[in-house]
Amino acid sequence: MGRPKGIDGVLFDFDGVICDTEPLAMDHLTETLALHGIELTPEQHLSLVGTDGSAVMDRLLEGSDLTSDELFAEDDARGNIHVICDMVPMPGVLEFIRGVRAAGLPTALVSTTLSRYILAALDQMGIVGLFDSIVCGDMVERRKPDPLCYATSLANLGLDASRCVAFEDSPTGIHAAKAAGLYVCGYEGSVIDQDTSEADEAISTFVGLTL
């Protein structure tokens, strides 16, 4: 897809785009699994990124007395990383978002993570007001890679997908945004190296980036 001739709105994933939370989440989950003598491989780590993790965890827990729901509940009970960890923005991302808004364009946050955690992270960073729409995993019936989260966000903004840009870091998120009809920038500045080949273009940093 070619770049939109005019941009009416910009949409952002949170984990791995606004904050590099994925390594924190993986370390936390690895510790929880280790309590049950289960090892998470690097490949399984990567397959969890950008998803709700249930499919991968169901396979990992085959033969165990634990279900994926129970495992995630236990992991959550140990403290969610969006609440217990310092949320550090990616270099330049907040300046970029503020620049987009200064240009008069609406911005949206589209995440698979539960709303209570995203809102806690945004509140910790003091940036809730930087987004005109926030759509999280528990606010839609189908999560990424389904495009519903992006379609819902576009509807909230009253915008056409063909005139909007999304920033995603994972294959799952990129696919969701592409399926919704958005021009997608694959962000490659996070610690975890992911496949951004489905994106329309890739960027490695927000520093100095403009529309």
N, C-alpha and C. Protein backbone atom coordinates (compact mmCIF):
# COMPACT_ATOMS: atom_id res chain seq x y z
N MET A 1 0.85 -1.20 0.00
CA MET A 1 0.00 0.00 0.00
C MET A 1 0.88 1.25 0.00
N GLY A 2 0.56 2.20 -0.86
CA GLY A 2 1.30 3.45 -0.88
C GLY A 2 0.89 4.36 0.26
N ARG A 3 1.77 5.27 0.61
CA ARG A 3 1.46 6.20 1.70
C ARG A 3 0.20 7.00 1.38
N PRO A 4 -0.63 7.26 2.39
CA PRO A 4 -1.81 8.10 2.15
C PRO A 4 -1.39 9.48 1.64
N LYS A 5 -2.14 10.01 0.69
CA LYS A 5 -1.82 11.34 0.16
C LYS A 5 -2.07 12.41 1.21
N GLY A 6 -3.01 12.14 2.09
CA GLY A 6 -3.26 13.02 3.22
C GLY A 6 -3.50 12.16 4.44
N ILE A 7 -3.01 12.56 5.60
CA ILE A 7 -3.17 11.77 6.82
C ILE A 7 -4.16 12.46 7.74
N ASP A 8 -5.19 11.71 8.14
CA ASP A 8 -6.24 12.27 9.00
C ASP A 8 -6.12 11.81 10.46
N GLY A 9 -5.33 10.77 10.72
CA GLY A 9 -5.21 10.27 12.07
C GLY A 9 -4.08 9.27 12.20
N VAL A 10 -3.56 9.11 13.43
CA VAL A 10 -2.44 8.20 13.68
C VAL A 10 -2.79 7.32 14.88
N LEU A 11 -2.59 6.02 14.70
CA LEU A 11 -2.94 5.04 15.73
C LEU A 11 -1.69 4.28 16.19
N PHE A 12 -1.63 3.98 17.49
CA PHE A 12 -0.44 3.37 18.07
C PHE A 12 -0.79 2.14 18.90
N ASP A 13 0.02 1.10 18.75
CA ASP A 13 0.04 0.01 19.71
C ASP A 13 0.76 0.55 20.96
N PHE A 14 0.62 -0.14 22.09
CA PHE A 14 1.31 0.32 23.30
C PHE A 14 2.56 -0.50 23.57
N ASP A 15 2.37 -1.81 23.82
CA ASP A 15 3.49 -2.66 24.19
C ASP A 15 4.44 -2.87 23.01
N GLY A 16 5.67 -2.42 23.19
CA GLY A 16 6.67 -2.55 22.14
C GLY A 16 6.73 -1.37 21.19
N VAL A 17 5.80 -0.44 21.33
CA VAL A 17 5.81 0.77 20.48
C VAL A 17 5.95 2.02 21.33
N ILE A 18 5.05 2.21 22.27
CA ILE A 18 5.15 3.36 23.18
C ILE A 18 6.08 3.03 24.35
N CYS A 19 6.00 1.81 24.85
CA CYS A 19 6.90 1.35 25.92
C CYS A 19 7.45 -0.03 25.56
N ASP A 20 8.69 -0.29 25.91
CA ASP A 20 9.29 -1.59 25.63
C ASP A 20 8.96 -2.54 26.78
N THR A 21 7.67 -2.89 26.88
CA THR A 21 7.21 -3.72 27.99
C THR A 21 7.39 -5.21 27.75
N GLU A 22 7.58 -5.62 26.50
CA GLU A 22 7.61 -7.05 26.18
C GLU A 22 8.69 -7.81 26.97
N PRO A 23 9.94 -7.32 27.06
CA PRO A 23 10.93 -8.04 27.86
C PRO A 23 10.52 -8.17 29.32
N LEU A 24 9.89 -7.13 29.88
CA LEU A 24 9.43 -7.18 31.26
C LEU A 24 8.37 -8.26 31.43
N ALA A 25 7.43 -8.30 30.50
CA ALA A 25 6.35 -9.28 30.57
C ALA A 25 6.87 -10.70 30.42
N MET A 26 7.82 -10.89 29.51
CA MET A 26 8.37 -12.22 29.29
C MET A 26 9.16 -12.71 30.51
N ASP A 27 9.93 -11.83 31.12
CA ASP A 27 10.68 -12.20 32.32
C ASP A 27 9.73 -12.59 33.45
N HIS A 28 8.67 -11.81 33.59
CA HIS A 28 7.69 -12.06 34.65
C HIS A 28 7.00 -13.40 34.43
N LEU A 29 6.57 -13.67 33.19
CA LEU A 29 5.89 -14.93 32.88
C LEU A 29 6.84 -16.11 33.01
N THR A 30 8.09 -15.94 32.62
CA THR A 30 9.09 -17.00 32.75
C THR A 30 9.26 -17.40 34.21
N GLU A 31 9.26 -16.41 35.10
CA GLU A 31 9.40 -16.68 36.53
C GLU A 31 8.18 -17.44 37.05
N THR A 32 6.99 -17.07 36.59
CA THR A 32 5.77 -17.76 37.02
C THR A 32 5.78 -19.21 36.54
N LEU A 33 6.16 -19.43 35.30
CA LEU A 33 6.23 -20.80 34.76
C LEU A 33 7.27 -21.63 35.50
N ALA A 34 8.39 -21.00 35.85
CA ALA A 34 9.47 -21.71 36.54
C ALA A 34 9.00 -22.25 37.89
N LEU A 35 8.04 -21.58 38.51
CA LEU A 35 7.49 -22.06 39.78
C LEU A 35 6.83 -23.42 39.61
N HIS A 36 6.45 -23.75 38.38
CA HIS A 36 5.81 -25.04 38.08
C HIS A 36 6.74 -25.96 37.29
N GLY A 37 8.01 -25.60 37.22
CA GLY A 37 8.99 -26.43 36.54
C GLY A 37 8.85 -26.42 35.03
N ILE A 38 8.27 -25.35 34.48
CA ILE A 38 8.07 -25.24 33.03
C ILE A 38 8.99 -24.17 32.47
N GLU A 39 9.69 -24.52 31.41
CA GLU A 39 10.63 -23.59 30.77
C GLU A 39 10.01 -23.01 29.51
N LEU A 40 10.16 -21.71 29.33
CA LEU A 40 9.67 -21.00 28.14
C LEU A 40 10.85 -20.77 27.21
N THR A 41 10.77 -21.32 25.99
CA THR A 41 11.87 -21.17 25.04
C THR A 41 11.83 -19.79 24.37
N PRO A 42 12.95 -19.33 23.79
CA PRO A 42 12.94 -18.05 23.07
C PRO A 42 11.91 -18.01 21.95
N GLU A 43 11.71 -19.14 21.27
CA GLU A 43 10.72 -19.18 20.19
C GLU A 43 9.30 -19.00 20.74
N GLN A 44 9.03 -19.60 21.88
CA GLN A 44 7.72 -19.44 22.51
C GLN A 44 7.53 -18.01 23.01
N HIS A 45 8.60 -17.42 23.52
CA HIS A 45 8.59 -16.01 23.91
C HIS A 45 8.06 -15.17 22.75
N LEU A 46 8.69 -15.34 21.60
CA LEU A 46 8.39 -14.53 20.44
C LEU A 46 6.96 -14.73 19.97
N SER A 47 6.48 -15.96 20.03
CA SER A 47 5.13 -16.25 19.55
C SER A 47 4.05 -15.66 20.45
N LEU A 48 4.41 -15.32 21.68
CA LEU A 48 3.45 -14.72 22.61
C LEU A 48 3.27 -13.23 22.37
N VAL A 49 4.25 -12.58 21.78
CA VAL A 49 4.25 -11.13 21.63
C VAL A 49 3.10 -10.68 20.73
N GLY A 50 2.34 -9.70 21.23
CA GLY A 50 1.25 -9.13 20.45
C GLY A 50 -0.03 -9.92 20.50
N THR A 51 -0.05 -11.05 21.26
CA THR A 51 -1.25 -11.86 21.38
C THR A 51 -1.71 -11.90 22.83
N ASP A 52 -2.87 -12.55 23.06
CA ASP A 52 -3.30 -12.72 24.46
C ASP A 52 -2.61 -13.93 25.08
N GLY A 53 -1.86 -14.69 24.27
CA GLY A 53 -1.03 -15.78 24.78
C GLY A 53 -1.72 -17.10 25.04
N SER A 54 -3.05 -17.16 24.93
CA SER A 54 -3.77 -18.36 25.34
C SER A 54 -3.44 -19.58 24.48
N ALA A 55 -3.35 -19.42 23.15
CA ALA A 55 -3.09 -20.56 22.27
C ALA A 55 -1.72 -21.17 22.55
N VAL A 56 -0.69 -20.31 22.67
CA VAL A 56 0.66 -20.80 22.96
C VAL A 56 0.71 -21.46 24.33
N MET A 57 0.06 -20.82 25.30
CA MET A 57 0.10 -21.36 26.66
C MET A 57 -0.65 -22.68 26.78
N ASP A 58 -1.75 -22.83 26.03
CA ASP A 58 -2.49 -24.10 26.05
C ASP A 58 -1.59 -25.25 25.60
N ARG A 59 -0.79 -25.00 24.54
CA ARG A 59 0.13 -26.03 24.06
C ARG A 59 1.24 -26.30 25.07
N LEU A 60 1.73 -25.24 25.68
CA LEU A 60 2.84 -25.36 26.63
C LEU A 60 2.42 -26.14 27.88
N LEU A 61 1.15 -26.02 28.25
CA LEU A 61 0.66 -26.63 29.49
C LEU A 61 0.02 -28.00 29.28
N GLU A 62 0.12 -28.53 28.05
CA GLU A 62 -0.44 -29.86 27.79
C GLU A 62 0.20 -30.89 28.73
N GLY A 63 -0.65 -31.68 29.39
CA GLY A 63 -0.15 -32.65 30.34
C GLY A 63 -0.01 -32.12 31.75
N SER A 64 -0.23 -30.80 31.91
CA SER A 64 -0.14 -30.18 33.24
C SER A 64 -1.53 -30.06 33.84
N ASP A 65 -1.58 -29.97 35.16
CA ASP A 65 -2.86 -29.76 35.84
C ASP A 65 -3.35 -28.33 35.69
N LEU A 66 -2.46 -27.44 35.25
CA LEU A 66 -2.80 -26.02 35.09
C LEU A 66 -3.46 -25.76 33.74
N THR A 67 -4.41 -24.83 33.72
CA THR A 67 -4.94 -24.31 32.46
C THR A 67 -4.26 -22.98 32.18
N SER A 68 -4.37 -22.51 30.94
CA SER A 68 -3.76 -21.22 30.62
C SER A 68 -4.40 -20.10 31.43
N ASP A 69 -5.70 -20.17 31.63
CA ASP A 69 -6.39 -19.14 32.43
C ASP A 69 -5.85 -19.11 33.85
N GLU A 70 -5.63 -20.29 34.43
CA GLU A 70 -5.11 -20.36 35.80
C GLU A 70 -3.68 -19.82 35.86
N LEU A 71 -2.90 -20.16 34.83
CA LEU A 71 -1.51 -19.70 34.81
C LEU A 71 -1.43 -18.19 34.70
N PHE A 72 -2.25 -17.61 33.80
CA PHE A 72 -2.25 -16.16 33.64
C PHE A 72 -2.79 -15.46 34.89
N ALA A 73 -3.77 -16.09 35.55
CA ALA A 73 -4.31 -15.52 36.80
C ALA A 73 -3.23 -15.50 37.87
N GLU A 74 -2.44 -16.56 37.94
CA GLU A 74 -1.34 -16.62 38.91
C GLU A 74 -0.28 -15.59 38.57
N ASP A 75 0.04 -15.47 37.28
CA ASP A 75 1.01 -14.47 36.85
C ASP A 75 0.54 -13.07 37.20
N ASP A 76 -0.75 -12.83 37.01
CA ASP A 76 -1.34 -11.53 37.31
C ASP A 76 -1.31 -11.26 38.81
N ALA A 77 -1.57 -12.30 39.60
CA ALA A 77 -1.59 -12.14 41.06
C ALA A 77 -0.22 -11.77 41.60
N ARG A 78 0.82 -12.12 40.87
CA ARG A 78 2.18 -11.77 41.29
C ARG A 78 2.50 -10.31 40.99
N GLY A 79 1.57 -9.63 40.33
CA GLY A 79 1.75 -8.22 40.01
C GLY A 79 1.92 -8.01 38.53
N ASN A 80 1.07 -7.17 37.94
CA ASN A 80 1.17 -6.90 36.51
C ASN A 80 2.27 -5.89 36.23
N ILE A 81 3.04 -6.14 35.17
CA ILE A 81 4.20 -5.29 34.90
C ILE A 81 3.80 -3.85 34.56
N HIS A 82 2.58 -3.66 34.01
CA HIS A 82 2.14 -2.30 33.70
C HIS A 82 1.87 -1.47 34.96
N VAL A 83 1.73 -2.20 36.08
CA VAL A 83 1.43 -1.54 37.36
C VAL A 83 2.68 -1.48 38.25
N ILE A 84 3.45 -2.56 38.29
CA ILE A 84 4.55 -2.65 39.26
C ILE A 84 5.89 -2.16 38.70
N CYS A 85 5.99 -2.02 37.38
CA CYS A 85 7.25 -1.59 36.77
C CYS A 85 7.17 -0.14 36.31
N ASP A 86 8.32 0.51 36.24
CA ASP A 86 8.37 1.87 35.71
C ASP A 86 8.15 1.81 34.20
N MET A 87 7.19 2.58 33.72
CA MET A 87 6.90 2.63 32.30
C MET A 87 7.77 3.72 31.65
N VAL A 88 8.73 3.30 30.89
CA VAL A 88 9.67 4.23 30.24
C VAL A 88 9.32 4.32 28.76
N PRO A 89 8.99 5.51 28.25
CA PRO A 89 8.62 5.63 26.84
C PRO A 89 9.79 5.37 25.91
N MET A 90 9.48 4.85 24.72
CA MET A 90 10.50 4.69 23.70
C MET A 90 11.09 6.06 23.37
N PRO A 91 12.36 6.12 23.04
CA PRO A 91 12.98 7.41 22.71
C PRO A 91 12.22 8.12 21.59
N GLY A 92 11.83 9.36 21.87
CA GLY A 92 11.21 10.21 20.86
C GLY A 92 9.73 9.99 20.62
N VAL A 93 9.14 8.92 21.21
CA VAL A 93 7.74 8.62 20.86
C VAL A 93 6.76 9.67 21.38
N LEU A 94 6.97 10.16 22.58
CA LEU A 94 6.04 11.15 23.12
C LEU A 94 6.16 12.47 22.37
N GLU A 95 7.36 12.83 21.99
CA GLU A 95 7.56 14.05 21.21
C GLU A 95 6.87 13.90 19.84
N PHE A 96 6.96 12.71 19.27
CA PHE A 96 6.30 12.47 17.98
C PHE A 96 4.79 12.58 18.12
N ILE A 97 4.22 11.95 19.15
CA ILE A 97 2.76 12.00 19.35
C ILE A 97 2.31 13.44 19.58
N ARG A 98 3.05 14.17 20.38
CA ARG A 98 2.68 15.57 20.63
C ARG A 98 2.78 16.40 19.35
N GLY A 99 3.74 16.08 18.50
CA GLY A 99 3.86 16.77 17.22
C GLY A 99 2.69 16.48 16.31
N VAL A 100 2.21 15.23 16.31
CA VAL A 100 1.04 14.85 15.53
C VAL A 100 -0.17 15.64 16.00
N ARG A 101 -0.34 15.72 17.30
CA ARG A 101 -1.50 16.43 17.86
C ARG A 101 -1.39 17.94 17.62
N ALA A 102 -0.17 18.44 17.67
CA ALA A 102 0.03 19.87 17.41
C ALA A 102 -0.34 20.22 15.98
N ALA A 103 -0.25 19.22 15.09
CA ALA A 103 -0.62 19.43 13.69
C ALA A 103 -2.12 19.32 13.49
N GLY A 104 -2.84 19.09 14.58
CA GLY A 104 -4.31 19.03 14.51
C GLY A 104 -4.88 17.66 14.18
N LEU A 105 -4.04 16.62 14.26
CA LEU A 105 -4.51 15.27 13.93
C LEU A 105 -4.86 14.48 15.20
N PRO A 106 -5.95 13.72 15.18
CA PRO A 106 -6.31 12.88 16.32
C PRO A 106 -5.37 11.68 16.43
N THR A 107 -5.21 11.18 17.64
CA THR A 107 -4.38 10.01 17.88
C THR A 107 -5.18 8.98 18.66
N ALA A 108 -4.83 7.71 18.48
CA ALA A 108 -5.54 6.63 19.16
C ALA A 108 -4.56 5.58 19.65
N LEU A 109 -4.96 4.87 20.70
CA LEU A 109 -4.18 3.77 21.23
C LEU A 109 -4.98 2.49 21.01
N VAL A 110 -4.34 1.47 20.43
CA VAL A 110 -5.03 0.21 20.12
C VAL A 110 -4.17 -0.93 20.65
N SER A 111 -4.64 -1.60 21.70
CA SER A 111 -3.82 -2.61 22.38
C SER A 111 -4.61 -3.88 22.66
N THR A 112 -3.90 -5.00 22.72
CA THR A 112 -4.51 -6.27 23.13
C THR A 112 -4.55 -6.39 24.65
N THR A 113 -3.71 -5.64 25.33
CA THR A 113 -3.63 -5.69 26.79
C THR A 113 -4.93 -5.18 27.42
N LEU A 114 -5.28 -5.72 28.59
CA LEU A 114 -6.50 -5.33 29.28
C LEU A 114 -6.47 -3.84 29.63
N SER A 115 -7.65 -3.23 29.59
CA SER A 115 -7.76 -1.78 29.76
C SER A 115 -7.26 -1.31 31.12
N ARG A 116 -7.48 -2.09 32.18
CA ARG A 116 -7.07 -1.62 33.51
C ARG A 116 -5.55 -1.48 33.60
N TYR A 117 -4.83 -2.30 32.83
CA TYR A 117 -3.38 -2.22 32.85
C TYR A 117 -2.87 -1.11 31.94
N ILE A 118 -3.46 -0.98 30.77
CA ILE A 118 -3.07 0.10 29.87
C ILE A 118 -3.33 1.45 30.51
N LEU A 119 -4.51 1.60 31.13
CA LEU A 119 -4.84 2.88 31.77
C LEU A 119 -3.91 3.17 32.95
N ALA A 120 -3.53 2.11 33.68
CA ALA A 120 -2.59 2.30 34.80
C ALA A 120 -1.24 2.77 34.28
N ALA A 121 -0.79 2.18 33.17
CA ALA A 121 0.50 2.58 32.58
C ALA A 121 0.44 4.00 32.05
N LEU A 122 -0.64 4.34 31.34
CA LEU A 122 -0.77 5.69 30.80
C LEU A 122 -0.86 6.72 31.92
N ASP A 123 -1.57 6.36 32.98
CA ASP A 123 -1.71 7.28 34.11
C ASP A 123 -0.36 7.48 34.80
N GLN A 124 0.40 6.39 34.94
CA GLN A 124 1.74 6.50 35.54
C GLN A 124 2.62 7.45 34.74
N MET A 125 2.48 7.40 33.41
CA MET A 125 3.28 8.23 32.54
C MET A 125 2.69 9.63 32.34
N GLY A 126 1.44 9.82 32.79
CA GLY A 126 0.79 11.11 32.66
C GLY A 126 0.42 11.45 31.23
N ILE A 127 0.06 10.43 30.42
CA ILE A 127 -0.20 10.68 29.01
C ILE A 127 -1.57 10.19 28.54
N VAL A 128 -2.50 9.96 29.46
CA VAL A 128 -3.84 9.53 29.06
C VAL A 128 -4.44 10.53 28.07
N GLY A 129 -4.21 11.80 28.31
CA GLY A 129 -4.79 12.85 27.49
C GLY A 129 -4.20 12.98 26.10
N LEU A 130 -3.17 12.16 25.78
CA LEU A 130 -2.58 12.23 24.45
C LEU A 130 -3.36 11.42 23.42
N PHE A 131 -4.43 10.74 23.85
CA PHE A 131 -5.17 9.88 22.93
C PHE A 131 -6.65 10.22 22.92
N ASP A 132 -7.20 10.35 21.71
CA ASP A 132 -8.61 10.65 21.55
C ASP A 132 -9.47 9.40 21.63
N SER A 133 -8.86 8.25 21.41
CA SER A 133 -9.56 6.97 21.52
C SER A 133 -8.59 5.95 22.10
N ILE A 134 -9.09 5.13 23.03
CA ILE A 134 -8.31 4.04 23.60
C ILE A 134 -9.14 2.77 23.49
N VAL A 135 -8.65 1.80 22.74
CA VAL A 135 -9.33 0.52 22.59
C VAL A 135 -8.37 -0.58 23.06
N CYS A 136 -8.82 -1.36 24.05
CA CYS A 136 -7.98 -2.41 24.63
C CYS A 136 -8.61 -3.79 24.41
N GLY A 137 -7.86 -4.82 24.81
CA GLY A 137 -8.27 -6.18 24.50
C GLY A 137 -9.60 -6.61 25.09
N ASP A 138 -9.95 -6.07 26.24
CA ASP A 138 -11.22 -6.45 26.86
C ASP A 138 -12.38 -5.56 26.42
N MET A 139 -12.14 -4.70 25.44
CA MET A 139 -13.19 -3.79 24.97
C MET A 139 -13.76 -4.24 23.62
N VAL A 140 -13.23 -5.33 23.08
CA VAL A 140 -13.72 -5.87 21.80
C VAL A 140 -13.91 -7.37 21.93
N GLU A 141 -14.74 -7.93 21.07
CA GLU A 141 -15.02 -9.36 21.13
C GLU A 141 -13.87 -10.20 20.59
N ARG A 142 -13.12 -9.64 19.65
CA ARG A 142 -12.03 -10.39 19.03
C ARG A 142 -10.77 -9.53 19.05
N ARG A 143 -9.68 -10.10 19.52
CA ARG A 143 -8.43 -9.37 19.66
C ARG A 143 -7.55 -9.53 18.42
N LYS A 144 -6.48 -8.76 18.37
CA LYS A 144 -5.51 -8.91 17.31
C LYS A 144 -5.06 -10.38 17.22
N PRO A 145 -4.92 -10.95 16.04
CA PRO A 145 -4.76 -10.32 14.72
C PRO A 145 -6.06 -9.94 14.01
N ASP A 146 -7.21 -10.13 14.69
CA ASP A 146 -8.46 -9.67 14.09
C ASP A 146 -8.44 -8.14 14.00
N PRO A 147 -8.96 -7.56 12.93
CA PRO A 147 -8.92 -6.10 12.76
C PRO A 147 -9.96 -5.32 13.56
N LEU A 148 -10.80 -6.03 14.34
CA LEU A 148 -11.91 -5.36 15.02
C LEU A 148 -11.44 -4.22 15.92
N CYS A 149 -10.33 -4.39 16.62
CA CYS A 149 -9.85 -3.33 17.51
C CYS A 149 -9.55 -2.06 16.73
N TYR A 150 -8.97 -2.21 15.55
CA TYR A 150 -8.67 -1.03 14.73
C TYR A 150 -9.93 -0.46 14.10
N ALA A 151 -10.83 -1.32 13.67
CA ALA A 151 -12.09 -0.84 13.11
C ALA A 151 -12.88 -0.06 14.16
N THR A 152 -12.84 -0.54 15.40
CA THR A 152 -13.55 0.14 16.49
C THR A 152 -12.92 1.50 16.76
N SER A 153 -11.60 1.56 16.77
CA SER A 153 -10.91 2.82 17.02
C SER A 153 -11.19 3.83 15.92
N LEU A 154 -11.17 3.38 14.67
CA LEU A 154 -11.46 4.28 13.55
C LEU A 154 -12.90 4.81 13.64
N ALA A 155 -13.82 3.93 14.05
CA ALA A 155 -15.21 4.36 14.23
C ALA A 155 -15.32 5.40 15.33
N ASN A 156 -14.56 5.19 16.42
CA ASN A 156 -14.56 6.17 17.51
C ASN A 156 -14.09 7.54 17.03
N LEU A 157 -13.10 7.53 16.15
CA LEU A 157 -12.53 8.78 15.64
C LEU A 157 -13.32 9.35 14.47
N GLY A 158 -14.18 8.50 13.86
CA GLY A 158 -14.92 8.94 12.68
C GLY A 158 -14.03 9.11 11.47
N LEU A 159 -13.01 8.23 11.34
CA LEU A 159 -12.04 8.37 10.26
C LEU A 159 -12.05 7.18 9.32
N ASP A 160 -11.58 7.42 8.09
CA ASP A 160 -11.45 6.39 7.08
C ASP A 160 -10.06 5.76 7.19
N ALA A 161 -10.00 4.43 7.19
CA ALA A 161 -8.73 3.73 7.35
C ALA A 161 -7.70 4.12 6.29
N SER A 162 -8.16 4.38 5.07
CA SER A 162 -7.24 4.67 3.97
C SER A 162 -6.49 5.98 4.14
N ARG A 163 -6.91 6.80 5.11
CA ARG A 163 -6.24 8.08 5.35
C ARG A 163 -5.60 8.13 6.75
N CYS A 164 -5.31 6.94 7.28
CA CYS A 164 -4.71 6.87 8.62
C CYS A 164 -3.48 5.96 8.61
N VAL A 165 -2.62 6.18 9.61
CA VAL A 165 -1.38 5.42 9.75
C VAL A 165 -1.36 4.75 11.13
N ALA A 166 -0.90 3.51 11.16
CA ALA A 166 -0.75 2.79 12.42
C ALA A 166 0.71 2.43 12.65
N PHE A 167 1.12 2.44 13.91
CA PHE A 167 2.47 2.03 14.31
C PHE A 167 2.35 0.76 15.15
N GLU A 168 2.95 -0.32 14.67
CA GLU A 168 2.91 -1.63 15.32
C GLU A 168 4.30 -2.25 15.30
N ASP A 169 4.55 -3.16 16.25
CA ASP A 169 5.86 -3.81 16.29
C ASP A 169 5.80 -5.31 16.06
N SER A 170 4.65 -5.94 16.24
CA SER A 170 4.56 -7.40 16.13
C SER A 170 3.84 -7.83 14.87
N PRO A 171 4.12 -9.03 14.36
CA PRO A 171 3.39 -9.53 13.20
C PRO A 171 1.89 -9.57 13.44
N THR A 172 1.49 -9.91 14.66
CA THR A 172 0.08 -9.98 15.01
C THR A 172 -0.58 -8.61 14.89
N GLY A 173 0.05 -7.60 15.46
CA GLY A 173 -0.51 -6.25 15.42
C GLY A 173 -0.48 -5.67 14.02
N ILE A 174 0.61 -5.91 13.30
CA ILE A 174 0.72 -5.41 11.93
C ILE A 174 -0.38 -6.00 11.06
N HIS A 175 -0.62 -7.30 11.22
CA HIS A 175 -1.67 -7.96 10.43
C HIS A 175 -3.05 -7.36 10.74
N ALA A 176 -3.32 -7.11 12.02
CA ALA A 176 -4.60 -6.53 12.41
C ALA A 176 -4.81 -5.17 11.76
N ALA A 177 -3.79 -4.33 11.81
CA ALA A 177 -3.89 -2.98 11.25
C ALA A 177 -4.03 -3.03 9.72
N LYS A 178 -3.26 -3.91 9.09
CA LYS A 178 -3.35 -4.06 7.64
C LYS A 178 -4.73 -4.56 7.23
N ALA A 179 -5.25 -5.52 7.97
CA ALA A 179 -6.57 -6.08 7.65
C ALA A 179 -7.67 -5.04 7.81
N ALA A 180 -7.42 -4.04 8.67
CA ALA A 180 -8.40 -2.96 8.85
C ALA A 180 -8.29 -1.91 7.76
N GLY A 181 -7.27 -2.03 6.90
CA GLY A 181 -7.11 -1.10 5.78
C GLY A 181 -6.18 0.06 6.03
N LEU A 182 -5.39 -0.01 7.10
CA LEU A 182 -4.49 1.08 7.46
C LEU A 182 -3.13 0.94 6.78
N TYR A 183 -2.48 2.07 6.58
CA TYR A 183 -1.06 2.09 6.19
C TYR A 183 -0.29 1.84 7.47
N VAL A 184 0.64 0.87 7.47
CA VAL A 184 1.28 0.44 8.71
C VAL A 184 2.79 0.66 8.67
N CYS A 185 3.29 1.32 9.72
CA CYS A 185 4.72 1.47 9.95
C CYS A 185 5.14 0.42 10.98
N GLY A 186 6.03 -0.47 10.61
CA GLY A 186 6.53 -1.46 11.54
C GLY A 186 7.67 -0.88 12.36
N TYR A 187 7.47 -0.80 13.68
CA TYR A 187 8.49 -0.21 14.55
C TYR A 187 9.50 -1.28 14.96
N GLU A 188 10.77 -1.02 14.70
CA GLU A 188 11.83 -1.99 14.98
C GLU A 188 12.81 -1.52 16.04
N GLY A 189 12.34 -0.66 16.93
CA GLY A 189 13.24 -0.13 17.95
C GLY A 189 13.14 -0.80 19.30
N SER A 190 12.32 -1.85 19.42
CA SER A 190 12.20 -2.53 20.70
C SER A 190 13.31 -3.56 20.87
N VAL A 191 13.46 -4.08 22.07
CA VAL A 191 14.52 -5.03 22.37
C VAL A 191 14.30 -6.34 21.61
N ILE A 192 13.05 -6.79 21.55
CA ILE A 192 12.73 -8.05 20.88
C ILE A 192 12.67 -7.83 19.37
N ASP A 193 13.45 -8.60 18.64
CA ASP A 193 13.50 -8.49 17.18
C ASP A 193 12.34 -9.26 16.58
N GLN A 194 11.45 -8.57 15.86
CA GLN A 194 10.27 -9.21 15.30
C GLN A 194 10.18 -9.00 13.80
N ASP A 195 9.35 -9.84 13.18
CA ASP A 195 9.15 -9.79 11.74
C ASP A 195 8.16 -8.67 11.41
N THR A 196 8.63 -7.64 10.74
CA THR A 196 7.75 -6.53 10.36
C THR A 196 7.52 -6.50 8.85
N SER A 197 7.76 -7.63 8.19
CA SER A 197 7.73 -7.66 6.73
C SER A 197 6.36 -7.36 6.13
N GLU A 198 5.28 -7.58 6.89
CA GLU A 198 3.94 -7.29 6.36
C GLU A 198 3.63 -5.79 6.39
N ALA A 199 4.41 -5.03 7.14
CA ALA A 199 4.18 -3.58 7.23
C ALA A 199 4.51 -2.91 5.90
N ASP A 200 3.93 -1.74 5.70
CA ASP A 200 4.19 -0.98 4.46
C ASP A 200 5.58 -0.36 4.46
N GLU A 201 6.07 -0.03 5.63
CA GLU A 201 7.44 0.45 5.77
C GLU A 201 7.87 0.19 7.20
N ALA A 202 9.17 0.26 7.45
CA ALA A 202 9.69 0.03 8.80
C ALA A 202 10.48 1.24 9.26
N ILE A 203 10.41 1.51 10.57
CA ILE A 203 11.21 2.57 11.17
C ILE A 203 11.94 1.98 12.37
N SER A 204 13.09 2.53 12.70
CA SER A 204 13.87 2.02 13.83
C SER A 204 13.84 2.95 15.03
N THR A 205 13.36 4.18 14.84
CA THR A 205 13.31 5.14 15.94
C THR A 205 12.26 6.21 15.67
N PHE A 206 11.74 6.75 16.76
CA PHE A 206 10.83 7.88 16.66
C PHE A 206 11.58 9.22 16.76
N VAL A 207 12.82 9.14 17.14
CA VAL A 207 13.61 10.37 17.33
C VAL A 207 13.72 11.10 15.99
N GLY A 208 13.26 12.35 15.98
CA GLY A 208 13.33 13.16 14.78
C GLY A 208 12.29 12.83 13.73
N LEU A 209 11.42 11.84 14.01
CA LEU A 209 10.41 11.44 13.03
C LEU A 209 9.30 12.48 12.92
N THR A 210 8.87 12.78 11.71
CA THR A 210 7.71 13.65 11.48
C THR A 210 6.84 13.01 10.41
N LEU A 211 5.60 13.45 10.35
CA LEU A 211 4.69 12.95 9.32
C LEU A 211 4.98 13.60 7.97
